[in-house]
Amino acid sequence: MPIIKPTVGRVLWYWPSTQDIEAGMFAYPGSDQPFTAQVVFVHSDRMINLLITDHGGGAHEKRSVTLLQAGDSVRDNAGYAEWMPYQQGQAAKTEAAEAKACSGCGSCATSDPRVRLFLNRGAVIKVNGVPLELEHDTTVLAHAANVPLLSSEAVAACMGERAD
């Protein structure tokens, strides 16, 4: 399951901490339903500030709230935010669609070892060991190992990877 990047304005669920409930911070705290929360500031993918609406319609602010992502476990008695099941489903569908669209297209990083080369008219290439001069501009796919004149950085860039 992908990590969903929080952004200001997104709506999600907030589950109050035991301390929040005992302090009477929220109306109707004994419910098995989460509170609605809106992201008002993003610290990171897993830490946000929220404007929370309780079950009575009261608004509350909470700072530095843990945002659980898919696969994260809940800490006992701690308040946390989480994405709604619909949002998690949409993120999974988007990730699957991107993976399907990306596979073999050559425009993104794949396990395909081929690189796309743009060759100008007049470039000399070897075909079966015989040097040939191109009469027109062309684009070819070649295995990276068959392109010895490219630096490792250029090959990595063509394959969508970083050369460290």
Foldseek 3Di string as FASTA:
>chain_A
DDQDADDFFDKWFKQAFPVCVVVVVAPPNVDPGTWIWTFHADPGSFFTKIFTQHPVRDTDIDHGAGEDGPPDDDDHRHMHIYHDPVVVVVVVVVVVVVVVVPPPPQPAADPDQKFKDWDAQQDWDADVRRTDGHRGIDIDIDGPVRCVVDDPQVSCVRNHHGDD
